Amino acid sequence: MKSWGLVLLLLAGMHARAEKTLVYCSEASPSTFNPQMGEDGPTFNASSQMLYNRLVEFEDGGTKTVPGLAEKWDISKDGKTYTFHLRKNATFHTTETFKPTRPMNADDVLFSFNRALKKDHPYHKVNGGHFVFFTGMEMDTMIKDIQKVDDYTVKFVLNQPAAPFIANLAMSFAVVLSKEYADQLTKNKTPEKIDIEPVGTGPFVLKRYVKDNSIRYDANPTYWAGRAKLDKVVFAITPDPNVRFQKLKAGECNLIAEPAPQDLKGISGNTKLKLMSQPGANVGYLAMNVQKPPFNKLEVRQAIAYALNRDNYLNVVYQSTATSARNPIPPTVWANNPDTKDYDYNPEKAKELLKKAGFANGFDTEIWTLPVSRPYNPNGKKMGELMQADLAKVGIRVTLVTYDWPTYLSKARNGEHQMIQIGWTTDNGDPDNFMGTLLSCAAVQGGSNLARWCNKDYDKIITRAKTVSDMRERSSQYFKAQELFKAQAPWVTLAHATVFRGMTQNVEGYKISPLGTEDFYPIDMK
């Protein structure tokens, strides 16, 4: 009996050791577990691919749209009606507090999109009602109506044709939530839990979250596309990139986010590790809040563009892992204008413009510096110090300010900053995801236009670009918009950075996404 007991214990131990757990050293805590209300990489990484699905998805590691919760879709001849045919085998998560009684259906799709679309929706204002991407992408004005044809057929009727519409639906924010779960929460008088204790159809189920420490997930045993190869995923929240590197070397993490440029050689030279890289579809920039003086004056904004030694930032901050940004969209995204006239480093020109604007003796201001490393800026603090020194040379006295990441984003969305370091990685590979989401008048209201710059001529150009399907015509319009943007200088464009990931040798199947989000569903561990 004792020997059989020992055998059983050994078998149990073998089973436990065979369990596949991936530990991911992430850079920051998510601000929510509902991508509808998210606006940053850490939030999307912790929620959009892990917990949810969309009607349309992007293929793994690419920008091609493929079926998701919709098995197929039809588009009317006038380009204004999209009919989605839903799959019938997608079930929502079973958690400690919720067990679904039916598969995902049209009611869930209408609930999810109408929550953002309709201000009188019972869940519209729950947890603040900020649908940054939905508004920033102008989905609220693009969509006229959403109709349930039957339990597994849904029609989206648009006000006018929109070339990026399908790609928009594959973005992180366009997730499908459970109406049945929402109804239960309403009955229990706890509607706020919908974004905090998430229920999705995705490949993993949230088990536990400790703010600024860790997030734990289990594989979804009933995932419609097949159970994940990994049994568990742990996010070890580690803001310091050097600490992430040390944890990777020590085997405490299998994959790390945003390794610092100075650690890249240490990863590639370690036989137990491997380094992956890819040109980034991103832009890092300094936004000036044009609603706050003196940044409402064009000469001041142009002076700052001339005063910043951006080539020096490429060497010191990025250590030659980035290229200088001329436009608000990177060269890896089509419609980037190679002929846009840029600002060179010219402190004397900056002083002339400041004098012309009435600030011969400069002025006092703030720059908010990134508190976490991002794909488009690995070291906001160091960059802030360099900017501070450059601006001091032309008489602008800068105080550097920062906050924890969720607070940073929340305050920025409310327009509390004067100048702010920020950046963007494409969500769908379409130029509108930069030109519209970050710079349109609608995006000021949505909160993603941190320059708070609303230019009617610019808006007319990008609206024209969205409503035509011919790529040449769209490119022509975006070229004009980039030239106008540069002349008006609501940002100083800084860099397009190469994206790196460090991981242990036993991680298989990982691909760097050009969209900046992590997808752990395809990953296996040796």
Protein backbone atom coordinates (compact mmCIF):
# COMPACT_ATOMS: atom_id res chain seq x y z
CA MET A 1 0.00 0.00 0.00
CA LYS A 2 2.82 2.34 0.87
CA SER A 3 4.55 1.69 -2.47
CA TRP A 4 1.30 2.38 -4.38
CA GLY A 5 0.86 5.59 -2.44
CA LEU A 6 4.38 6.62 -3.39
CA VAL A 7 3.68 5.85 -7.06
CA LEU A 8 0.54 7.95 -6.95
CA LEU A 9 2.43 10.83 -5.39
CA LEU A 10 5.13 10.57 -8.08
CA LEU A 11 2.50 10.52 -10.83
CA ALA A 12 0.81 13.55 -9.31
CA GLY A 13 4.17 15.32 -9.20
CA MET A 14 4.85 14.47 -12.85
CA HIS A 15 1.44 15.85 -13.79
CA ALA A 16 2.11 19.06 -11.86
CA ARG A 17 5.50 19.50 -13.51
CA ALA A 18 3.91 18.96 -16.94
CA GLU A 19 1.58 21.93 -16.45
CA LYS A 20 2.60 24.72 -18.81
CA THR A 21 2.77 28.16 -17.22
CA LEU A 22 4.10 31.22 -19.02
CA VAL A 23 5.31 34.10 -16.86
CA TYR A 24 5.24 37.42 -18.69
CA CYS A 25 7.05 40.39 -17.14
CA SER A 26 4.78 43.27 -18.13
CA GLU A 27 5.57 46.95 -17.71
CA ALA A 28 2.48 48.35 -15.98
CA SER A 29 -0.90 47.59 -14.45
CA PRO A 30 -3.97 47.70 -16.68
CA SER A 31 -6.34 50.61 -16.15
CA THR A 32 -9.38 48.35 -16.72
CA PHE A 33 -10.19 44.80 -17.84
CA ASN A 34 -12.55 46.02 -20.56
CA PRO A 35 -10.79 47.12 -23.78
CA GLN A 36 -13.84 49.20 -24.72
CA MET A 37 -12.68 51.70 -22.13
CA GLY A 38 -8.94 51.15 -22.57
CA GLU A 39 -6.43 53.34 -24.35
CA ASP A 40 -3.01 51.82 -23.59
CA GLY A 41 -0.87 48.77 -24.29
CA PRO A 42 -0.80 47.30 -20.76
CA THR A 43 -4.61 47.38 -20.63
CA PHE A 44 -5.04 45.79 -24.05
CA ASN A 45 -2.39 43.15 -23.35
CA ALA A 46 -4.09 42.15 -20.12
CA SER A 47 -7.57 42.00 -21.60
CA SER A 48 -8.25 42.21 -25.32
CA GLN A 49 -6.53 39.04 -26.56
CA MET A 50 -6.52 37.16 -23.26
CA LEU A 51 -10.18 37.46 -22.31
CA TYR A 52 -12.22 38.54 -25.32
CA ASN A 53 -12.92 38.19 -29.01
CA ARG A 54 -14.24 40.49 -31.70
CA LEU A 55 -16.51 39.93 -34.69
CA VAL A 56 -13.41 40.24 -36.86
CA GLU A 57 -9.83 39.47 -35.82
CA PHE A 58 -6.37 40.22 -37.17
CA GLU A 59 -4.35 37.20 -38.20
CA ASP A 60 -1.61 36.22 -35.77
CA GLY A 61 1.37 38.54 -36.26
CA GLY A 62 -0.25 40.53 -39.08
CA THR A 63 -2.86 43.08 -40.11
CA LYS A 64 -5.01 40.92 -42.41
CA THR A 65 -8.59 40.65 -41.12
CA VAL A 66 -9.99 37.14 -40.60
CA PRO A 67 -13.25 35.77 -39.13
CA GLY A 68 -13.67 35.92 -35.37
CA LEU A 69 -17.02 35.69 -33.62
CA ALA A 70 -18.49 36.33 -37.06
CA GLU A 71 -17.85 33.38 -39.38
CA LYS A 72 -18.43 35.61 -42.43
CA TRP A 73 -19.90 38.97 -43.45
CA ASP A 74 -21.55 40.63 -46.45
CA ILE A 75 -21.23 44.25 -47.59
CA SER A 76 -23.99 46.00 -49.52
CA LYS A 77 -23.26 47.54 -52.91
CA ASP A 78 -23.49 51.07 -51.53
CA GLY A 79 -20.91 50.21 -48.83
CA LYS A 80 -23.22 51.25 -46.00
CA THR A 81 -24.63 47.95 -44.69
CA TYR A 82 -22.53 45.17 -43.18
CA THR A 83 -24.25 41.89 -42.32
CA PHE A 84 -22.39 39.60 -39.90
CA HIS A 85 -23.18 35.90 -39.56
CA LEU A 86 -22.21 34.79 -36.06
CA ARG A 87 -20.69 31.46 -35.08
CA LYS A 88 -22.89 29.32 -32.85
CA ASN A 89 -20.25 27.62 -30.70
CA ALA A 90 -18.72 30.56 -28.80
CA THR A 91 -19.50 30.40 -25.08
CA PHE A 92 -18.74 32.95 -22.40
CA HIS A 93 -16.46 32.21 -19.46
CA THR A 94 -17.69 30.38 -16.41
CA THR A 95 -16.31 32.14 -13.33
CA GLU A 96 -16.82 31.97 -9.58
CA THR A 97 -19.78 34.33 -9.86
CA PHE A 98 -21.24 33.65 -13.32
CA LYS A 99 -22.24 30.65 -15.40
CA PRO A 100 -23.68 31.28 -18.89
CA THR A 101 -26.87 29.51 -19.96
CA ARG A 102 -26.45 30.06 -23.71
CA PRO A 103 -23.77 30.67 -26.36
CA MET A 104 -22.79 34.15 -27.53
CA ASN A 105 -25.45 35.58 -29.85
CA ALA A 106 -26.77 38.74 -31.49
CA ASP A 107 -28.05 40.13 -28.18
CA ASP A 108 -24.48 40.27 -26.90
CA VAL A 109 -23.27 42.09 -30.00
CA LEU A 110 -26.03 44.70 -29.75
CA PHE A 111 -25.43 45.15 -26.02
CA SER A 112 -21.68 45.63 -26.49
CA PHE A 113 -21.78 48.15 -29.33
CA ASN A 114 -24.85 50.03 -28.16
CA ARG A 115 -23.19 50.51 -24.78
CA ALA A 116 -20.66 52.80 -26.49
CA LEU A 117 -22.98 54.14 -29.19
CA LYS A 118 -26.08 55.17 -27.23
CA LYS A 119 -25.84 57.64 -24.38
CA ASP A 120 -29.12 56.40 -22.91
CA HIS A 121 -27.86 52.80 -22.76
CA PRO A 122 -28.04 51.56 -19.14
CA TYR A 123 -24.33 50.70 -19.17
CA HIS A 124 -23.08 53.74 -21.11
CA LYS A 125 -22.02 55.73 -18.06
CA VAL A 126 -21.01 52.78 -15.87
CA ASN A 127 -17.38 53.30 -14.76
CA GLY A 128 -17.18 56.73 -16.35
CA GLY A 129 -18.48 56.18 -19.85
CA HIS A 130 -15.16 56.96 -21.60
CA PHE A 131 -15.02 54.98 -24.85
CA VAL A 132 -11.81 56.54 -26.10
CA PHE A 133 -11.26 54.51 -29.25
CA PHE A 134 -14.93 54.22 -30.21
CA THR A 135 -15.21 58.01 -30.18
CA GLY A 136 -11.69 58.68 -31.46
CA MET A 137 -12.30 56.44 -34.49
CA GLU A 138 -15.62 58.30 -34.98
CA MET A 139 -17.58 55.07 -34.74
CA ASP A 140 -20.31 57.02 -32.95
CA THR A 141 -20.93 59.13 -36.05
CA MET A 142 -20.08 56.35 -38.51
CA ILE A 143 -22.74 53.89 -37.24
CA LYS A 144 -26.37 54.81 -37.89
CA ASP A 145 -27.98 51.70 -36.47
CA ILE A 146 -27.31 48.12 -35.34
CA GLN A 147 -30.05 45.59 -36.07
CA LYS A 148 -30.68 42.06 -34.89
CA VAL A 149 -31.88 40.00 -37.87
CA ASP A 150 -32.04 36.78 -35.86
CA ASP A 151 -30.09 35.20 -33.00
CA TYR A 152 -27.00 34.74 -35.16
CA THR A 153 -27.24 37.56 -37.71
CA VAL A 154 -26.50 41.24 -37.07
CA LYS A 155 -26.58 44.25 -39.42
CA PHE A 156 -24.51 47.40 -38.97
CA VAL A 157 -25.94 50.31 -40.98
CA LEU A 158 -23.53 53.20 -41.58
CA ASN A 159 -24.32 56.84 -42.31
CA GLN A 160 -21.84 56.78 -45.19
CA PRO A 161 -19.27 54.37 -46.63
CA ALA A 162 -16.20 53.98 -44.41
CA ALA A 163 -13.09 52.32 -45.83
CA PRO A 164 -11.55 51.40 -42.42
CA PHE A 165 -14.76 49.94 -40.91
CA ILE A 166 -13.87 46.22 -40.99
CA ALA A 167 -10.33 46.93 -39.75
CA ASN A 168 -11.82 49.05 -36.95
CA LEU A 169 -13.96 46.10 -35.84
CA ALA A 170 -10.82 43.98 -35.45
CA MET A 171 -9.27 46.51 -33.05
CA SER A 172 -8.92 45.80 -29.35
CA PHE A 173 -11.80 48.04 -28.28
CA ALA A 174 -14.44 46.23 -30.41
CA VAL A 175 -14.92 43.30 -28.03
CA VAL A 176 -18.15 41.42 -27.43
CA LEU A 177 -19.39 41.33 -23.81
CA SER A 178 -22.03 39.09 -22.27
CA LYS A 179 -25.48 40.68 -22.01
CA GLU A 180 -26.54 37.84 -19.75
CA TYR A 181 -23.72 38.69 -17.34
CA ALA A 182 -24.64 42.38 -17.49
CA ASP A 183 -28.27 41.54 -16.68
CA GLN A 184 -27.12 39.52 -13.66
CA LEU A 185 -24.95 42.39 -12.44
CA THR A 186 -27.84 44.83 -12.88
CA LYS A 187 -30.09 42.55 -10.83
CA ASN A 188 -27.40 42.37 -8.13
CA LYS A 189 -26.94 46.16 -8.26
CA THR A 190 -23.22 45.77 -9.08
CA PRO A 191 -22.99 46.93 -12.74
CA GLU A 192 -19.47 48.31 -12.20
CA LYS A 193 -18.12 44.74 -11.98
CA ILE A 194 -18.57 44.28 -15.74
CA ASP A 195 -15.24 46.05 -16.37
CA ILE A 196 -13.46 44.82 -13.23
CA GLU A 197 -14.48 41.15 -13.01
CA PRO A 198 -14.53 40.42 -16.75
CA VAL A 199 -16.42 37.72 -18.62
CA GLY A 200 -15.49 37.20 -22.26
CA THR A 201 -15.32 34.47 -24.91
CA GLY A 202 -11.51 34.51 -25.12
CA PRO A 203 -8.86 31.80 -24.67
CA PHE A 204 -8.09 32.59 -21.01
CA VAL A 205 -10.13 33.27 -17.88
CA LEU A 206 -9.08 35.84 -15.28
CA LYS A 207 -8.43 34.18 -11.92
CA ARG A 208 -6.78 36.85 -9.76
CA TYR A 209 -5.46 40.40 -10.01
CA VAL A 210 -3.25 42.16 -7.48
CA LYS A 211 -2.73 45.77 -8.56
CA ASP A 212 0.89 46.65 -9.41
CA ASN A 213 1.89 43.07 -8.65
CA SER A 214 0.43 40.28 -10.76
CA ILE A 215 -2.42 38.97 -12.91
CA ARG A 216 -3.22 35.25 -13.12
CA TYR A 217 -5.14 33.47 -15.87
CA ASP A 218 -6.21 29.90 -16.55
CA ALA A 219 -6.83 28.43 -19.99
CA ASN A 220 -10.50 28.55 -21.01
CA PRO A 221 -11.46 24.84 -21.26
CA THR A 222 -14.40 25.56 -23.60
CA TYR A 223 -12.73 28.04 -25.95
CA TRP A 224 -14.46 27.89 -29.33
CA ALA A 225 -11.21 27.82 -31.32
CA GLY A 226 -9.73 25.05 -29.17
CA ARG A 227 -8.07 25.07 -25.76
CA ALA A 228 -4.80 27.02 -25.52
CA LYS A 229 -1.52 25.07 -25.35
CA LEU A 230 -0.64 26.94 -22.16
CA ASP A 231 -2.41 25.96 -18.95
CA LYS A 232 -1.74 29.18 -17.11
CA VAL A 233 -0.38 32.66 -17.82
CA VAL A 234 0.98 34.96 -15.13
CA PHE A 235 1.65 38.67 -15.68
CA ALA A 236 4.39 39.75 -13.28
CA ILE A 237 3.99 43.54 -13.30
CA THR A 238 7.53 44.95 -13.36
CA PRO A 239 7.83 48.64 -14.34
CA ASP A 240 11.66 48.80 -14.30
CA PRO A 241 13.07 47.40 -17.58
CA ASN A 242 16.37 46.48 -15.91
CA VAL A 243 14.53 44.43 -13.30
CA ARG A 244 12.60 42.70 -16.11
CA PHE A 245 15.91 41.78 -17.72
CA GLN A 246 17.29 40.43 -14.45
CA LYS A 247 14.16 38.33 -13.92
CA LEU A 248 14.49 36.95 -17.45
CA LYS A 249 18.11 35.94 -16.84
CA ALA A 250 17.16 34.34 -13.53
CA GLY A 251 14.37 32.32 -15.15
CA GLU A 252 11.67 34.14 -13.18
CA CYS A 253 10.07 35.33 -16.42
CA ASN A 254 9.73 33.56 -19.76
CA LEU A 255 8.98 36.69 -21.79
CA ILE A 256 9.59 40.37 -21.09
CA ALA A 257 7.99 43.52 -22.44
CA GLU A 258 10.03 46.40 -23.81
CA PRO A 259 13.63 45.46 -22.95
CA ALA A 260 15.86 48.51 -22.51
CA PRO A 261 18.23 49.25 -25.42
CA GLN A 262 21.27 48.71 -23.17
CA ASP A 263 20.09 45.16 -22.33
CA LEU A 264 19.67 43.92 -25.90
CA LYS A 265 23.22 42.58 -26.21
CA GLY A 266 22.86 40.81 -22.89
CA ILE A 267 19.79 38.99 -24.19
CA SER A 268 21.14 38.08 -27.62
CA GLY A 269 24.45 36.92 -26.14
CA ASN A 270 22.87 34.58 -23.58
CA THR A 271 22.48 30.99 -24.82
CA LYS A 272 19.47 30.45 -22.56
CA LEU A 273 17.63 33.39 -24.09
CA LYS A 274 16.54 34.65 -27.48
CA LEU A 275 15.83 38.11 -28.83
CA MET A 276 13.21 38.97 -31.43
CA SER A 277 12.85 42.31 -33.21
CA GLN A 278 10.64 43.98 -35.78
CA PRO A 279 10.37 47.48 -37.26
CA GLY A 280 7.76 49.23 -35.18
CA ALA A 281 4.55 50.62 -36.66
CA ASN A 282 4.70 53.32 -34.00
CA VAL A 283 5.46 56.96 -33.33
CA GLY A 284 6.73 58.66 -30.20
CA TYR A 285 5.91 62.35 -29.83
CA LEU A 286 5.66 65.37 -27.58
CA ALA A 287 2.12 66.78 -27.63
CA MET A 288 1.48 70.42 -26.78
CA ASN A 289 -1.93 71.25 -25.34
CA VAL A 290 -3.12 73.98 -27.69
CA GLN A 291 -6.00 74.82 -25.37
CA LYS A 292 -3.53 76.12 -22.79
CA PRO A 293 -1.50 79.30 -23.40
CA PRO A 294 1.11 79.82 -24.70
CA PHE A 295 0.70 76.67 -26.81
CA ASN A 296 -2.29 78.21 -28.54
CA LYS A 297 0.28 80.32 -30.44
CA LEU A 298 1.70 78.72 -33.56
CA GLU A 299 5.09 80.44 -33.16
CA VAL A 300 5.55 78.91 -29.70
CA ARG A 301 4.83 75.40 -30.97
CA GLN A 302 7.19 75.85 -33.91
CA ALA A 303 9.86 77.27 -31.60
CA ILE A 304 9.74 74.13 -29.46
CA ALA A 305 10.04 71.98 -32.58
CA TYR A 306 13.20 73.87 -33.57
CA ALA A 307 14.61 73.82 -30.01
CA LEU A 308 14.61 70.04 -29.47
CA ASN A 309 17.70 68.13 -30.59
CA ARG A 310 15.90 64.99 -31.70
CA ASP A 311 18.97 63.34 -33.26
CA ASN A 312 20.58 63.41 -29.84
CA TYR A 313 17.57 61.60 -28.37
CA LEU A 314 17.95 58.84 -30.96
CA ASN A 315 21.52 58.26 -29.77
CA VAL A 316 21.08 58.68 -26.02
CA VAL A 317 17.58 57.35 -25.34
CA TYR A 318 17.06 54.84 -28.16
CA GLN A 319 20.74 53.99 -28.64
CA SER A 320 20.25 53.85 -32.41
CA THR A 321 17.26 51.46 -32.25
CA ALA A 322 14.91 54.04 -33.79
CA THR A 323 14.65 56.42 -36.72
CA SER A 324 13.67 60.08 -36.65
CA ALA A 325 9.94 60.70 -37.08
CA ARG A 326 8.96 63.19 -39.79
CA ASN A 327 5.24 62.39 -39.83
CA PRO A 328 2.59 61.28 -37.34
CA ILE A 329 2.43 57.90 -39.12
CA PRO A 330 5.46 55.59 -39.50
CA PRO A 331 6.99 54.46 -42.80
CA THR A 332 5.70 50.94 -42.11
CA VAL A 333 2.12 52.20 -42.58
CA TRP A 334 1.01 53.10 -46.12
CA ALA A 335 0.32 56.79 -46.91
CA ASN A 336 3.38 58.04 -45.05
CA ASN A 337 4.45 61.24 -46.87
CA PRO A 338 8.22 61.16 -47.54
CA ASP A 339 8.24 64.79 -48.74
CA THR A 340 6.86 66.44 -45.60
CA LYS A 341 9.10 69.38 -44.66
CA ASP A 342 10.44 68.77 -41.17
CA TYR A 343 11.91 71.06 -38.48
CA ASP A 344 15.67 70.87 -38.03
CA TYR A 345 17.52 71.57 -34.79
CA ASN A 346 17.87 75.37 -34.78
CA PRO A 347 17.92 77.08 -31.33
CA GLU A 348 18.43 80.53 -32.89
CA LYS A 349 15.33 80.12 -35.04
CA ALA A 350 13.47 79.00 -31.91
CA LYS A 351 14.50 82.21 -30.08
CA GLU A 352 13.32 84.35 -33.02
CA LEU A 353 9.91 82.69 -33.01
CA LEU A 354 9.56 83.04 -29.24
CA LYS A 355 10.37 86.74 -29.52
CA LYS A 356 7.80 87.11 -32.29
CA ALA A 357 5.21 85.40 -30.07
CA GLY A 358 5.93 87.85 -27.23
CA PHE A 359 8.15 85.55 -25.16
CA ALA A 360 11.61 87.02 -25.68
CA ASN A 361 12.47 85.99 -22.11
CA GLY A 362 10.89 82.58 -22.42
CA PHE A 363 8.29 81.21 -20.01
CA ASP A 364 7.73 78.54 -17.34
CA THR A 365 5.98 75.30 -18.22
CA GLU A 366 5.76 71.56 -17.53
CA ILE A 367 6.55 68.39 -19.47
CA TRP A 368 4.91 65.18 -18.33
CA THR A 369 7.38 62.32 -18.73
CA LEU A 370 6.37 58.71 -19.35
CA PRO A 371 6.44 56.66 -16.12
CA VAL A 372 6.86 53.33 -17.96
CA SER A 373 8.87 52.15 -20.93
CA ARG A 374 6.80 51.98 -24.08
CA PRO A 375 7.54 50.62 -27.56
CA TYR A 376 7.86 54.19 -28.86
CA ASN A 377 9.93 55.54 -25.93
CA PRO A 378 12.11 53.31 -23.72
CA ASN A 379 13.04 55.98 -21.15
CA GLY A 380 10.70 58.93 -20.67
CA LYS A 381 12.63 60.29 -17.69
CA LYS A 382 15.93 60.50 -19.57
CA MET A 383 14.24 62.02 -22.59
CA GLY A 384 12.55 64.57 -20.34
CA GLU A 385 15.89 65.62 -18.90
CA LEU A 386 17.31 66.11 -22.40
CA MET A 387 14.25 68.13 -23.45
CA GLN A 388 14.51 70.23 -20.31
CA ALA A 389 18.13 71.08 -21.11
CA ASP A 390 17.36 71.89 -24.77
CA LEU A 391 14.45 74.17 -23.93
CA ALA A 392 16.48 75.97 -21.23
CA LYS A 393 18.87 77.06 -23.99
CA VAL A 394 16.08 79.09 -25.61
CA GLY A 395 14.70 80.46 -22.34
CA ILE A 396 11.87 77.97 -21.69
CA ARG A 397 12.06 76.81 -18.08
CA VAL A 398 10.64 73.30 -17.74
CA THR A 399 9.52 71.36 -14.67
CA LEU A 400 9.32 67.61 -15.22
CA VAL A 401 6.20 65.87 -13.89
CA THR A 402 5.04 62.26 -13.89
CA TYR A 403 2.37 60.00 -12.38
CA ASP A 404 1.66 56.29 -12.23
CA TRP A 405 0.56 54.99 -15.64
CA PRO A 406 -3.26 54.83 -15.18
CA THR A 407 -3.28 58.29 -13.54
CA TYR A 408 -1.02 59.67 -16.28
CA LEU A 409 -3.48 58.53 -18.95
CA SER A 410 -6.57 59.65 -17.06
CA LYS A 411 -5.26 63.15 -16.40
CA ALA A 412 -4.01 63.46 -19.97
CA ARG A 413 -7.40 62.45 -21.36
CA ASN A 414 -8.91 65.25 -19.28
CA GLY A 415 -6.44 67.77 -20.74
CA GLU A 416 -4.65 68.60 -17.49
CA HIS A 417 -1.18 68.65 -19.08
CA GLN A 418 0.74 71.41 -20.85
CA MET A 419 3.23 69.26 -22.75
CA ILE A 420 3.26 65.48 -22.57
CA GLN A 421 5.37 62.59 -23.83
CA ILE A 422 3.21 59.94 -25.42
CA GLY A 423 3.10 57.74 -28.50
CA TRP A 424 1.10 55.29 -30.54
CA THR A 425 1.30 51.90 -32.18
CA THR A 426 -1.15 51.18 -34.99
CA ASP A 427 -4.23 49.20 -34.01
CA ASN A 428 -5.28 48.20 -37.51
CA GLY A 429 -2.62 49.18 -40.07
CA ASP A 430 -4.78 51.98 -41.51
CA PRO A 431 -3.50 55.60 -41.67
CA ASP A 432 -6.75 56.82 -40.13
CA ASN A 433 -5.75 55.06 -36.91
CA PHE A 434 -3.08 57.75 -36.55
CA MET A 435 -4.44 60.70 -38.51
CA GLY A 436 -8.00 60.42 -37.21
CA THR A 437 -7.68 58.75 -33.82
CA LEU A 438 -4.94 61.08 -32.58
CA LEU A 439 -5.58 64.38 -34.36
CA SER A 440 -9.23 64.79 -35.38
CA CYS A 441 -11.71 67.16 -33.72
CA ALA A 442 -13.76 64.14 -32.62
CA ALA A 443 -10.67 62.73 -30.91
CA VAL A 444 -10.45 65.86 -28.75
CA GLN A 445 -13.82 64.94 -27.27
CA GLY A 446 -12.93 61.26 -27.16
CA GLY A 447 -9.74 61.95 -25.23
CA SER A 448 -7.17 60.43 -27.60
CA ASN A 449 -6.15 63.78 -29.18
CA LEU A 450 -3.78 64.92 -26.42
CA ALA A 451 -2.75 68.06 -28.30
CA ARG A 452 -6.46 68.97 -28.17
CA TRP A 453 -5.89 70.46 -31.62
CA CYS A 454 -9.05 70.83 -33.73
CA ASN A 455 -8.41 72.14 -37.24
CA LYS A 456 -11.47 72.20 -39.52
CA ASP A 457 -9.43 72.14 -42.74
CA TYR A 458 -7.50 69.11 -41.49
CA ASP A 459 -10.75 67.38 -40.51
CA LYS A 460 -12.22 67.89 -43.98
CA ILE A 461 -9.17 66.26 -45.56
CA ILE A 462 -9.14 63.15 -43.38
CA THR A 463 -12.93 62.77 -43.63
CA ARG A 464 -12.55 62.71 -47.41
CA ALA A 465 -9.77 60.12 -47.04
CA LYS A 466 -12.01 57.81 -45.00
CA THR A 467 -15.00 57.91 -47.31
CA VAL A 468 -13.24 56.91 -50.54
CA SER A 469 -12.11 53.37 -51.22
CA ASP A 470 -9.40 54.05 -53.81
CA MET A 471 -6.03 53.73 -52.04
CA ARG A 472 -4.30 56.27 -54.31
CA GLU A 473 -6.93 58.89 -53.57
CA ARG A 474 -6.81 58.10 -49.86
CA SER A 475 -3.00 58.41 -49.86
CA SER A 476 -3.20 61.76 -51.67
CA GLN A 477 -5.53 63.10 -48.99
CA TYR A 478 -3.37 61.82 -46.14
CA PHE A 479 -0.29 63.41 -47.74
CA LYS A 480 -2.07 66.79 -47.64
CA ALA A 481 -3.14 66.21 -44.05
CA GLN A 482 0.44 65.43 -42.96
CA GLU A 483 1.74 68.66 -44.52
CA LEU A 484 -0.95 70.70 -42.75
CA PHE A 485 -0.25 68.91 -39.46
CA LYS A 486 3.46 69.65 -39.72
CA ALA A 487 2.93 73.32 -40.51
CA GLN A 488 0.61 73.68 -37.49
CA ALA A 489 2.95 71.71 -35.19
CA PRO A 490 0.59 70.43 -32.48
CA TRP A 491 3.25 67.78 -31.80
CA VAL A 492 6.96 67.45 -32.07
CA THR A 493 7.33 64.06 -33.76
CA LEU A 494 10.26 62.24 -32.17
CA ALA A 495 10.92 58.67 -33.28
CA HIS A 496 9.74 55.44 -34.88
CA ALA A 497 11.26 52.71 -32.72
CA THR A 498 12.19 49.11 -33.47
CA VAL A 499 10.24 46.71 -31.24
CA PHE A 500 12.15 44.05 -29.27
CA ARG A 501 11.10 41.09 -27.15
CA GLY A 502 13.32 38.95 -24.96
CA MET A 503 12.34 35.41 -23.98
CA THR A 504 13.64 32.09 -22.76
CA GLN A 505 14.56 29.47 -25.34
CA ASN A 506 11.63 27.21 -24.43
CA VAL A 507 9.01 29.71 -25.64
CA GLU A 508 7.62 28.55 -28.99
CA GLY A 509 5.12 30.07 -31.41
CA TYR A 510 5.46 33.68 -30.27
CA LYS A 511 5.14 36.44 -32.87
CA ILE A 512 5.65 40.16 -32.40
CA SER A 513 2.44 41.85 -33.45
CA PRO A 514 2.76 44.96 -35.66
CA LEU A 515 -0.24 46.21 -33.69
CA GLY A 516 1.62 46.27 -30.38
CA THR A 517 -0.64 43.81 -28.54
CA GLU A 518 0.41 40.49 -27.03
CA ASP A 519 -1.33 37.28 -28.06
CA PHE A 520 -0.45 34.28 -25.90
CA TYR A 521 -2.99 31.88 -27.38
CA PRO A 522 -0.60 30.45 -30.04
CA ILE A 523 2.32 30.04 -27.58
CA ASP A 524 3.64 26.69 -26.41
CA MET A 525 6.41 25.83 -23.95
CA LYS A 526 8.99 23.14 -24.66
